[in-house]
């Protein structure tokens, strides 16, 4: 893998992890709040509610992951375009003048 490909992949991976964390928090909160009324009315302890909320995280990952990938790729390419990095990447190398 060339250096520029690793650079782009690294930028996308860092943004993906950050975006996945944020979107996972939102989806997880939505899932927990949807079931919170059932847990509190059935007389469960706070520890049981926390354990149940932790068990919902694997269900939230497949929901949040596609959004995180799209946001990371779009943000990386947009930032690289604004910083004129894409122009530098696509510009062909100068040719030597024939003698």
PDB file of N, CA and C in Angstrom:
ATOM      1  N   UNK A   1       0.856  -1.173   0.000  1.00  0.00           N
ATOM      2  CA  UNK A   1       0.000   0.000   0.000  1.00  0.00           C
ATOM      3  C   UNK A   1       0.898   1.231   0.000  1.00  0.00           C
ATOM      4  N   UNK A   2       0.580   2.162  -0.868  1.00  0.00           N
ATOM      5  CA  UNK A   2       1.383   3.371  -0.952  1.00  0.00           C
ATOM      6  C   UNK A   2       1.145   4.266   0.245  1.00  0.00           C
ATOM      7  N   UNK A   3       2.015   5.208   0.421  1.00  0.00           N
ATOM      8  CA  UNK A   3       1.977   6.104   1.572  1.00  0.00           C
ATOM      9  C   UNK A   3       0.693   6.935   1.599  1.00  0.00           C
ATOM     10  N   UNK A   4       0.273   7.427   0.454  1.00  0.00           N
ATOM     11  CA  UNK A   4      -0.930   8.272   0.415  1.00  0.00           C
ATOM     12  C   UNK A   4      -2.179   7.462   0.744  1.00  0.00           C
ATOM     13  N   UNK A   5      -2.213   6.202   0.337  1.00  0.00           N
ATOM     14  CA  UNK A   5      -3.355   5.347   0.647  1.00  0.00           C
ATOM     15  C   UNK A   5      -3.443   5.074   2.141  1.00  0.00           C
ATOM     16  N   UNK A   6      -2.289   4.854   2.760  1.00  0.00           N
ATOM     17  CA  UNK A   6      -2.282   4.658   4.210  1.00  0.00           C
ATOM     18  C   UNK A   6      -2.703   5.926   4.940  1.00  0.00           C
ATOM     19  N   UNK A   7      -2.288   7.077   4.421  1.00  0.00           N
ATOM     20  CA  UNK A   7      -2.667   8.358   5.017  1.00  0.00           C
ATOM     21  C   UNK A   7      -4.182   8.556   4.974  1.00  0.00           C
ATOM     22  N   UNK A   8      -4.777   8.306   3.829  1.00  0.00           N
ATOM     23  CA  UNK A   8      -6.231   8.455   3.686  1.00  0.00           C
ATOM     24  C   UNK A   8      -6.957   7.441   4.551  1.00  0.00           C
ATOM     25  N   UNK A   9      -6.489   6.197   4.564  1.00  0.00           N
ATOM     26  CA  UNK A   9      -7.113   5.170   5.390  1.00  0.00           C
ATOM     27  C   UNK A   9      -7.021   5.522   6.869  1.00  0.00           C
ATOM     28  N   UNK A  10      -5.899   6.067   7.290  1.00  0.00           N
ATOM     29  CA  UNK A  10      -5.733   6.463   8.693  1.00  0.00           C
ATOM     30  C   UNK A  10      -6.721   7.569   9.060  1.00  0.00           C
ATOM     31  N   UNK A  11      -6.863   8.570   8.187  1.00  0.00           N
ATOM     32  CA  UNK A  11      -7.800   9.664   8.459  1.00  0.00           C
ATOM     33  C   UNK A  11      -9.232   9.155   8.531  1.00  0.00           C
ATOM     34  N   UNK A  12      -9.599   8.250   7.634  1.00  0.00           N
ATOM     35  CA  UNK A  12     -10.946   7.691   7.648  1.00  0.00           C
ATOM     36  C   UNK A  12     -11.156   6.847   8.905  1.00  0.00           C
ATOM     37  N   UNK A  13     -10.160   6.058   9.295  1.00  0.00           N
ATOM     38  CA  UNK A  13     -10.302   5.200  10.473  1.00  0.00           C
ATOM     39  C   UNK A  13     -10.471   6.011  11.743  1.00  0.00           C
ATOM     40  N   UNK A  14      -9.698   7.086  11.882  1.00  0.00           N
ATOM     41  CA  UNK A  14      -9.814   7.925  13.083  1.00  0.00           C
ATOM     42  C   UNK A  14     -11.186   8.587  13.147  1.00  0.00           C
ATOM     43  N   UNK A  15     -11.643   9.119  12.020  1.00  0.00           N
ATOM     44  CA  UNK A  15     -12.972   9.732  11.990  1.00  0.00           C
ATOM     45  C   UNK A  15     -14.068   8.690  12.191  1.00  0.00           C
ATOM     46  N   UNK A  16     -13.867   7.482  11.665  1.00  0.00           N
ATOM     47  CA  UNK A  16     -14.852   6.418  11.832  1.00  0.00           C
ATOM     48  C   UNK A  16     -15.019   6.057  13.303  1.00  0.00           C
ATOM     49  N   UNK A  17     -13.915   5.912  14.024  1.00  0.00           N
ATOM     50  CA  UNK A  17     -13.997   5.555  15.443  1.00  0.00           C
ATOM     51  C   UNK A  17     -14.706   6.656  16.229  1.00  0.00           C
ATOM     52  N   UNK A  18     -14.366   7.893  15.962  1.00  0.00           N
ATOM     53  CA  UNK A  18     -15.028   9.002  16.663  1.00  0.00           C
ATOM     54  C   UNK A  18     -16.509   9.094  16.344  1.00  0.00           C
ATOM     55  N   UNK A  19     -16.840   8.964  15.077  1.00  0.00           N
ATOM     56  CA  UNK A  19     -18.238   9.043  14.670  1.00  0.00           C
ATOM     57  C   UNK A  19     -19.027   7.840  15.164  1.00  0.00           C
ATOM     58  N   UNK A  20     -18.407   6.665  15.138  1.00  0.00           N
ATOM     59  CA  UNK A  20     -19.088   5.472  15.635  1.00  0.00           C
ATOM     60  C   UNK A  20     -19.388   5.601  17.124  1.00  0.00           C
ATOM     61  N   UNK A  21     -18.448   6.154  17.865  1.00  0.00           N
ATOM     62  CA  UNK A  21     -18.666   6.336  19.300  1.00  0.00           C
ATOM     63  C   UNK A  21     -19.837   7.272  19.559  1.00  0.00           C
ATOM     64  N   UNK A  22     -19.869   8.390  18.845  1.00  0.00           N
ATOM     65  CA  UNK A  22     -20.955   9.351  19.044  1.00  0.00           C
ATOM     66  C   UNK A  22     -22.304   8.784  18.600  1.00  0.00           C
ATOM     67  N   UNK A  23     -22.352   8.193  17.415  1.00  0.00           N
ATOM     68  CA  UNK A  23     -23.628   7.656  16.930  1.00  0.00           C
ATOM     69  C   UNK A  23     -24.066   6.433  17.735  1.00  0.00           C
ATOM     70  N   UNK A  24     -23.110   5.659  18.219  1.00  0.00           N
ATOM     71  CA  UNK A  24     -23.452   4.521  19.075  1.00  0.00           C
ATOM     72  C   UNK A  24     -24.074   5.001  20.378  1.00  0.00           C
ATOM     73  N   UNK A  25     -23.564   6.090  20.909  1.00  0.00           N
ATOM     74  CA  UNK A  25     -24.164   6.662  22.119  1.00  0.00           C
ATOM     75  C   UNK A  25     -25.597   7.097  21.902  1.00  0.00           C
ATOM     76  N   UNK A  26     -25.862   7.681  20.753  1.00  0.00           N
ATOM     77  CA  UNK A  26     -27.223   8.135  20.455  1.00  0.00           C
ATOM     78  C   UNK A  26     -28.166   6.943  20.270  1.00  0.00           C
ATOM     79  N   UNK A  27     -27.743   5.961  19.479  1.00  0.00           N
ATOM     80  CA  UNK A  27     -28.592   4.789  19.227  1.00  0.00           C
ATOM     81  C   UNK A  27     -28.804   3.999  20.510  1.00  0.00           C
ATOM     82  N   UNK A  28     -27.746   3.826  21.288  1.00  0.00           N
ATOM     83  CA  UNK A  28     -27.842   3.081  22.545  1.00  0.00           C
ATOM     84  C   UNK A  28     -28.791   3.773  23.518  1.00  0.00           C
ATOM     85  N   UNK A  29     -28.701   5.100  23.613  1.00  0.00           N
ATOM     86  CA  UNK A  29     -29.608   5.841  24.490  1.00  0.00           C
ATOM     87  C   UNK A  29     -31.050   5.671  24.043  1.00  0.00           C
ATOM     88  N   UNK A  30     -31.277   5.701  22.756  1.00  0.00           N
ATOM     89  CA  UNK A  30     -32.630   5.506  22.232  1.00  0.00           C
ATOM     90  C   UNK A  30     -33.158   4.111  22.570  1.00  0.00           C
ATOM     91  N   UNK A  31     -32.318   3.101  22.416  1.00  0.00           N
ATOM     92  CA  UNK A  31     -32.749   1.736  22.743  1.00  0.00           C
ATOM     93  C   UNK A  31     -33.030   1.571  24.237  1.00  0.00           C
ATOM     94  N   UNK A  32     -32.179   2.149  25.061  1.00  0.00           N
ATOM     95  CA  UNK A  32     -32.372   2.020  26.509  1.00  0.00           C
ATOM     96  C   UNK A  32     -33.623   2.757  26.953  1.00  0.00           C
ATOM     97  N   UNK A  33     -33.831   3.964  26.455  1.00  0.00           N
ATOM     98  CA  UNK A  33     -35.006   4.735  26.862  1.00  0.00           C
ATOM     99  C   UNK A  33     -36.301   4.089  26.396  1.00  0.00           C
ATOM    100  N   UNK A  34     -36.242   3.357  25.296  1.00  0.00           N
ATOM    101  CA  UNK A  34     -37.430   2.648  24.830  1.00  0.00           C
ATOM    102  C   UNK A  34     -37.848   1.522  25.757  1.00  0.00           C
ATOM    103  N   UNK A  35     -36.900   0.977  26.488  1.00  0.00           N
ATOM    104  CA  UNK A  35     -37.192  -0.135  27.391  1.00  0.00           C
ATOM    105  C   UNK A  35     -37.109   0.255  28.860  1.00  0.00           C
ATOM    106  N   UNK A  36     -36.802   1.505  29.122  1.00  0.00           N
ATOM    107  CA  UNK A  36     -36.610   1.968  30.499  1.00  0.00           C
ATOM    108  C   UNK A  36     -37.903   1.904  31.302  1.00  0.00           C
ATOM    109  N   UNK A  37     -39.014   2.237  30.677  1.00  0.00           N
ATOM    110  CA  UNK A  37     -40.292   2.215  31.375  1.00  0.00           C
ATOM    111  C   UNK A  37     -40.637   0.798  31.835  1.00  0.00           C
ATOM    112  N   UNK A  38     -40.395  -0.175  30.981  1.00  0.00           N
ATOM    113  CA  UNK A  38     -40.659  -1.575  31.347  1.00  0.00           C
ATOM    114  C   UNK A  38     -39.790  -2.006  32.530  1.00  0.00           C
ATOM    115  N   UNK A  39     -38.527  -1.619  32.510  1.00  0.00           N
ATOM    116  CA  UNK A  39     -37.616  -2.037  33.579  1.00  0.00           C
ATOM    117  C   UNK A  39     -37.963  -1.383  34.915  1.00  0.00           C
ATOM    118  N   UNK A  40     -38.362  -0.135  34.892  1.00  0.00           N
ATOM    119  CA  UNK A  40     -38.667   0.547  36.151  1.00  0.00           C
ATOM    120  C   UNK A  40     -40.013   0.122  36.707  1.00  0.00           C
ATOM    121  N   UNK A  41     -40.990  -0.146  35.865  1.00  0.00           N
ATOM    122  CA  UNK A  41     -42.304  -0.552  36.363  1.00  0.00           C
ATOM    123  C   UNK A  41     -42.309  -1.997  36.857  1.00  0.00           C
ATOM    124  N   UNK A  42     -41.372  -2.808  36.382  1.00  0.00           N
ATOM    125  CA  UNK A  42     -41.329  -4.196  36.844  1.00  0.00           C
ATOM    126  C   UNK A  42     -40.541  -4.334  38.146  1.00  0.00           C
ATOM    127  N   UNK A  43     -40.043  -3.239  38.686  1.00  0.00           N
ATOM    128  CA  UNK A  43     -39.387  -3.268  39.985  1.00  0.00           C
ATOM    129  C   UNK A  43     -37.956  -3.764  39.963  1.00  0.00           C
ATOM    130  N   UNK A  44     -37.270  -3.592  38.852  1.00  0.00           N
ATOM    131  CA  UNK A  44     -35.872  -4.030  38.743  1.00  0.00           C
ATOM    132  C   UNK A  44     -34.953  -3.056  39.482  1.00  0.00           C
ATOM    133  N   UNK A  45     -33.837  -3.559  39.951  1.00  0.00           N
ATOM    134  CA  UNK A  45     -32.867  -2.703  40.630  1.00  0.00           C
ATOM    135  C   UNK A  45     -32.073  -1.897  39.598  1.00  0.00           C
ATOM    136  N   UNK A  46     -31.359  -0.903  40.093  1.00  0.00           N
ATOM    137  CA  UNK A  46     -30.560  -0.059  39.206  1.00  0.00           C
ATOM    138  C   UNK A  46     -29.449  -0.874  38.545  1.00  0.00           C
ATOM    139  N   UNK A  47     -28.888  -1.817  39.276  1.00  0.00           N
ATOM    140  CA  UNK A  47     -27.842  -2.667  38.713  1.00  0.00           C
ATOM    141  C   UNK A  47     -28.383  -3.527  37.566  1.00  0.00           C
ATOM    142  N   UNK A  48     -29.590  -4.002  37.694  1.00  0.00           N
ATOM    143  CA  UNK A  48     -30.206  -4.785  36.616  1.00  0.00           C
ATOM    144  C   UNK A  48     -30.452  -3.922  35.386  1.00  0.00           C
ATOM    145  N   UNK A  49     -30.844  -2.684  35.596  1.00  0.00           N
ATOM    146  CA  UNK A  49     -31.067  -1.764  34.477  1.00  0.00           C
ATOM    147  C   UNK A  49     -29.749  -1.502  33.757  1.00  0.00           C
ATOM    148  N   UNK A  50     -28.655  -1.301  34.497  1.00  0.00           N
ATOM    149  CA  UNK A  50     -27.346  -1.057  33.897  1.00  0.00           C
ATOM    150  C   UNK A  50     -26.859  -2.289  33.126  1.00  0.00           C
ATOM    151  N   UNK A  51     -27.045  -3.475  33.691  1.00  0.00           N
ATOM    152  CA  UNK A  51     -26.650  -4.708  32.993  1.00  0.00           C
ATOM    153  C   UNK A  51     -27.441  -4.877  31.697  1.00  0.00           C
ATOM    154  N   UNK A  52     -28.730  -4.612  31.767  1.00  0.00           N
ATOM    155  CA  UNK A  52     -29.563  -4.723  30.569  1.00  0.00           C
ATOM    156  C   UNK A  52     -29.140  -3.707  29.517  1.00  0.00           C
ATOM    157  N   UNK A  53     -28.829  -2.492  29.956  1.00  0.00           N
ATOM    158  CA  UNK A  53     -28.394  -1.461  29.019  1.00  0.00           C
ATOM    159  C   UNK A  53     -27.080  -1.859  28.354  1.00  0.00           C
ATOM    160  N   UNK A  54     -26.184  -2.484  29.098  1.00  0.00           N
ATOM    161  CA  UNK A  54     -24.931  -2.953  28.518  1.00  0.00           C
ATOM    162  C   UNK A  54     -25.132  -4.051  27.494  1.00  0.00           C
ATOM    163  N   UNK A  55     -26.143  -4.863  27.695  1.00  0.00           N
ATOM    164  CA  UNK A  55     -26.426  -5.933  26.746  1.00  0.00           C
ATOM    165  C   UNK A  55     -27.020  -5.426  25.438  1.00  0.00           C
ATOM    166  N   UNK A  56     -27.480  -4.196  25.416  1.00  0.00           N
ATOM    167  CA  UNK A  56     -28.047  -3.629  24.193  1.00  0.00           C
ATOM    168  C   UNK A  56     -26.986  -3.047  23.255  1.00  0.00           C
ATOM    169  N   UNK A  57     -25.764  -2.904  23.725  1.00  0.00           N
ATOM    170  CA  UNK A  57     -24.714  -2.315  22.883  1.00  0.00           C
ATOM    171  C   UNK A  57     -24.456  -3.133  21.618  1.00  0.00           C
ATOM    172  N   UNK A  58     -24.354  -4.473  21.682  1.00  0.00           N
ATOM    173  CA  UNK A  58     -24.151  -5.213  20.421  1.00  0.00           C
ATOM    174  C   UNK A  58     -25.297  -5.048  19.423  1.00  0.00           C
ATOM    175  N   UNK A  59     -26.494  -4.779  19.879  1.00  0.00           N
ATOM    176  CA  UNK A  59     -27.604  -4.532  18.963  1.00  0.00           C
ATOM    177  C   UNK A  59     -27.511  -3.158  18.311  1.00  0.00           C
ATOM    178  N   UNK A  60     -26.846  -2.232  18.975  1.00  0.00           N
ATOM    179  CA  UNK A  60     -26.757  -0.862  18.460  1.00  0.00           C
ATOM    180  C   UNK A  60     -25.633  -0.698  17.439  1.00  0.00           C
ATOM    181  N   UNK A  61     -24.615  -1.536  17.494  1.00  0.00           N
ATOM    182  CA  UNK A  61     -23.458  -1.379  16.601  1.00  0.00           C
ATOM    183  C   UNK A  61     -23.836  -1.536  15.125  1.00  0.00           C
ATOM    184  N   UNK A  62     -24.576  -2.560  14.704  1.00  0.00           N
ATOM    185  CA  UNK A  62     -24.918  -2.656  13.280  1.00  0.00           C
ATOM    186  C   UNK A  62     -25.810  -1.517  12.784  1.00  0.00           C
ATOM    187  N   UNK A  63     -26.544  -0.896  13.671  1.00  0.00           N
ATOM    188  CA  UNK A  63     -27.390   0.229  13.271  1.00  0.00           C
ATOM    189  C   UNK A  63     -26.539   1.473  13.049  1.00  0.00           C
ATOM    190  N   UNK A  64     -25.553   1.699  13.903  1.00  0.00           N
ATOM    191  CA  UNK A  64     -24.758   2.923  13.855  1.00  0.00           C
ATOM    192  C   UNK A  64     -23.593   2.851  12.870  1.00  0.00           C
ATOM    193  N   UNK A  65     -23.100   1.652  12.579  1.00  0.00           N
ATOM    194  CA  UNK A  65     -21.896   1.519  11.764  1.00  0.00           C
ATOM    195  C   UNK A  65     -22.010   2.080  10.345  1.00  0.00           C
ATOM    196  N   UNK A  66     -23.073   1.820   9.584  1.00  0.00           N
ATOM    197  CA  UNK A  66     -23.140   2.386   8.226  1.00  0.00           C
ATOM    198  C   UNK A  66     -23.124   3.911   8.214  1.00  0.00           C
ATOM    199  N   UNK A  67     -23.790   4.527   9.171  1.00  0.00           N
ATOM    200  CA  UNK A  67     -23.791   5.982   9.241  1.00  0.00           C
ATOM    201  C   UNK A  67     -22.395   6.506   9.558  1.00  0.00           C
ATOM    202  N   UNK A  68     -21.691   5.814  10.435  1.00  0.00           N
ATOM    203  CA  UNK A  68     -20.341   6.239  10.806  1.00  0.00           C
ATOM    204  C   UNK A  68     -19.382   6.128   9.623  1.00  0.00           C
ATOM    205  N   UNK A  69     -19.516   5.085   8.825  1.00  0.00           N
ATOM    206  CA  UNK A  69     -18.645   4.911   7.656  1.00  0.00           C
ATOM    207  C   UNK A  69     -18.884   6.021   6.641  1.00  0.00           C
ATOM    208  N   UNK A  70     -20.145   6.290   6.340  1.00  0.00           N
ATOM    209  CA  UNK A  70     -20.473   7.320   5.349  1.00  0.00           C
ATOM    210  C   UNK A  70     -20.012   8.695   5.820  1.00  0.00           C
ATOM    211  N   UNK A  71     -20.240   9.006   7.080  1.00  0.00           N
ATOM    212  CA  UNK A  71     -19.830  10.307   7.608  1.00  0.00           C
ATOM    213  C   UNK A  71     -18.312  10.443   7.604  1.00  0.00           C
ATOM    214  N   UNK A  72     -17.594   9.384   7.970  1.00  0.00           N
ATOM    215  CA  UNK A  72     -16.130   9.442   8.005  1.00  0.00           C
ATOM    216  C   UNK A  72     -15.548   9.632   6.609  1.00  0.00           C
ATOM    217  N   UNK A  73     -16.060   8.902   5.634  1.00  0.00           N
ATOM    218  CA  UNK A  73     -15.545   9.022   4.269  1.00  0.00           C
ATOM    219  C   UNK A  73     -15.875  10.392   3.686  1.00  0.00           C
ATOM    220  N   UNK A  74     -17.106  10.840   3.859  1.00  0.00           N
ATOM    221  CA  UNK A  74     -17.496  12.135   3.318  1.00  0.00           C
ATOM    222  C   UNK A  74     -16.715  13.275   3.972  1.00  0.00           C
ATOM    223  N   UNK A  75     -16.523  13.199   5.268  1.00  0.00           N
ATOM    224  CA  UNK A  75     -15.789  14.243   5.962  1.00  0.00           C
ATOM    225  C   UNK A  75     -14.323  14.248   5.556  1.00  0.00           C
ATOM    226  N   UNK A  76     -13.724  13.085   5.421  1.00  0.00           N
ATOM    227  CA  UNK A  76     -12.318  13.010   5.013  1.00  0.00           C
ATOM    228  C   UNK A  76     -12.112  13.566   3.622  1.00  0.00           C
ATOM    229  N   UNK A  77     -12.936  13.157   2.674  1.00  0.00           N
ATOM    230  CA  UNK A  77     -12.789  13.653   1.305  1.00  0.00           C
ATOM    231  C   UNK A  77     -13.093  15.143   1.204  1.00  0.00           C
ATOM    232  N   UNK A  78     -14.063  15.616   1.947  1.00  0.00           N
ATOM    233  CA  UNK A  78     -14.373  17.042   1.943  1.00  0.00           C
ATOM    234  C   UNK A  78     -13.225  17.862   2.521  1.00  0.00           C
ATOM    235  N   UNK A  79     -12.655  17.400   3.619  1.00  0.00           N
ATOM    236  CA  UNK A  79     -11.528  18.104   4.222  1.00  0.00           C
ATOM    237  C   UNK A  79     -10.315  18.092   3.304  1.00  0.00           C
ATOM    238  N   UNK A  80     -10.063  16.956   2.671  1.00  0.00           N
ATOM    239  CA  UNK A  80      -8.930  16.886   1.752  1.00  0.00           C
ATOM    240  C   UNK A  80      -9.140  17.779   0.539  1.00  0.00           C
ATOM    241  N   UNK A  81     -10.375  17.923   0.090  1.00  0.00           N
ATOM    242  CA  UNK A  81     -10.672  18.808  -1.029  1.00  0.00           C
ATOM    243  C   UNK A  81     -10.491  20.263  -0.628  1.00  0.00           C
ATOM    244  N   UNK A  82     -10.935  20.640   0.556  1.00  0.00           N
ATOM    245  CA  UNK A  82     -10.784  22.015   1.017  1.00  0.00           C
ATOM    246  C   UNK A  82      -9.323  22.387   1.231  1.00  0.00           C
ATOM    247  N   UNK A  83      -8.522  21.427   1.656  1.00  0.00           N
ATOM    248  CA  UNK A  83      -7.100  21.680   1.878  1.00  0.00           C
ATOM    249  C   UNK A  83      -6.277  21.484   0.606  1.00  0.00           C
ATOM    250  N   UNK A  84      -6.921  21.253  -0.518  1.00  0.00           N
ATOM    251  CA  UNK A  84      -6.298  21.030  -1.832  1.00  0.00           C
ATOM    252  C   UNK A  84      -5.371  19.818  -1.842  1.00  0.00           C
ATOM    253  N   UNK A  85      -5.618  18.864  -0.975  1.00  0.00           N
ATOM    254  CA  UNK A  85      -4.810  17.648  -0.979  1.00  0.00           C
ATOM    255  C   UNK A  85      -5.199  16.738  -2.141  1.00  0.00           C
ATOM    256  N   UNK A  86      -6.461  16.740  -2.527  1.00  0.00           N
ATOM    257  CA  UNK A  86      -6.887  15.888  -3.639  1.00  0.00           C
ATOM    258  C   UNK A  86      -6.291  16.362  -4.960  1.00  0.00           C
ATOM    259  N   UNK A  87      -6.121  17.673  -5.109  1.00  0.00           N
ATOM    260  CA  UNK A  87      -5.521  18.205  -6.331  1.00  0.00           C
ATOM    261  C   UNK A  87      -4.076  17.747  -6.435  1.00  0.00           C
ATOM    262  N   UNK A  88      -3.369  17.781  -5.332  1.00  0.00           N
ATOM    263  CA  UNK A  88      -1.968  17.372  -5.335  1.00  0.00           C
ATOM    264  C   UNK A  88      -1.851  15.881  -5.632  1.00  0.00           C
ATOM    265  N   UNK A  89      -2.768  15.097  -5.118  1.00  0.00           N
ATOM    266  CA  UNK A  89      -2.713  13.649  -5.345  1.00  0.00           C
ATOM    267  C   UNK A  89      -2.962  13.325  -6.814  1.00  0.00           C
ATOM    268  N   UNK A  90      -3.923  13.987  -7.450  1.00  0.00           N
ATOM    269  CA  UNK A  90      -4.299  13.642  -8.819  1.00  0.00           C
ATOM    270  C   UNK A  90      -3.425  14.303  -9.871  1.00  0.00           C
ATOM    271  N   UNK A  91      -2.618  15.266  -9.503  1.00  0.00           N
ATOM    272  CA  UNK A  91      -1.766  15.937 -10.483  1.00  0.00           C
ATOM    273  C   UNK A  91      -0.678  14.975 -10.946  1.00  0.00           C
ATOM    274  N   UNK A  92      -0.507  14.830 -12.262  1.00  0.00           N
ATOM    275  CA  UNK A  92       0.531  13.917 -12.756  1.00  0.00           C
ATOM    276  C   UNK A  92       1.916  14.478 -12.476  1.00  0.00           C
ATOM    277  N   UNK A  93       2.877  13.595 -12.395  1.00  0.00           N
ATOM    278  CA  UNK A  93       4.253  14.012 -12.165  1.00  0.00           C
ATOM    279  C   UNK A  93       4.784  14.732 -13.397  1.00  0.00           C
ATOM    280  N   UNK A  94       5.609  15.751 -13.201  1.00  0.00           N
ATOM    281  CA  UNK A  94       6.155  16.460 -14.361  1.00  0.00           C
ATOM    282  C   UNK A  94       7.092  15.567 -15.158  1.00  0.00           C
ATOM    283  N   UNK A  95       7.034  15.730 -16.473  1.00  0.00           N
ATOM    284  CA  UNK A  95       7.875  14.926 -17.360  1.00  0.00           C
ATOM    285  C   UNK A  95       9.156  15.691 -17.675  1.00  0.00           C
ATOM    286  N   UNK A  96      10.181  14.957 -17.879  1.00  0.00           N
ATOM    287  CA  UNK A  96      11.456  15.583 -18.254  1.00  0.00           C
ATOM    288  C   UNK A  96      11.384  16.032 -19.701  1.00  0.00           C
ATOM    289  N   UNK A  97      11.975  17.156 -19.956  1.00  0.00           N
ATOM    290  CA  UNK A  97      11.974  17.696 -21.320  1.00  0.00           C
ATOM    291  C   UNK A  97      12.924  16.863 -22.196  1.00  0.00           C
ATOM    292  N   UNK A  98      12.464  16.509 -23.395  1.00  0.00           N
ATOM    293  CA  UNK A  98      13.358  15.736 -24.285  1.00  0.00           C
ATOM    294  C   UNK A  98      14.470  16.623 -24.845  1.00  0.00           C
ATOM    295  N   UNK A  99      15.643  16.077 -24.977  1.00  0.00           N
ATOM    296  CA  UNK A  99      16.789  16.845 -25.518  1.00  0.00           C
ATOM    297  C   UNK A  99      17.091  16.433 -26.898  1.00  0.00           C
TER     298      UNK A  99
END
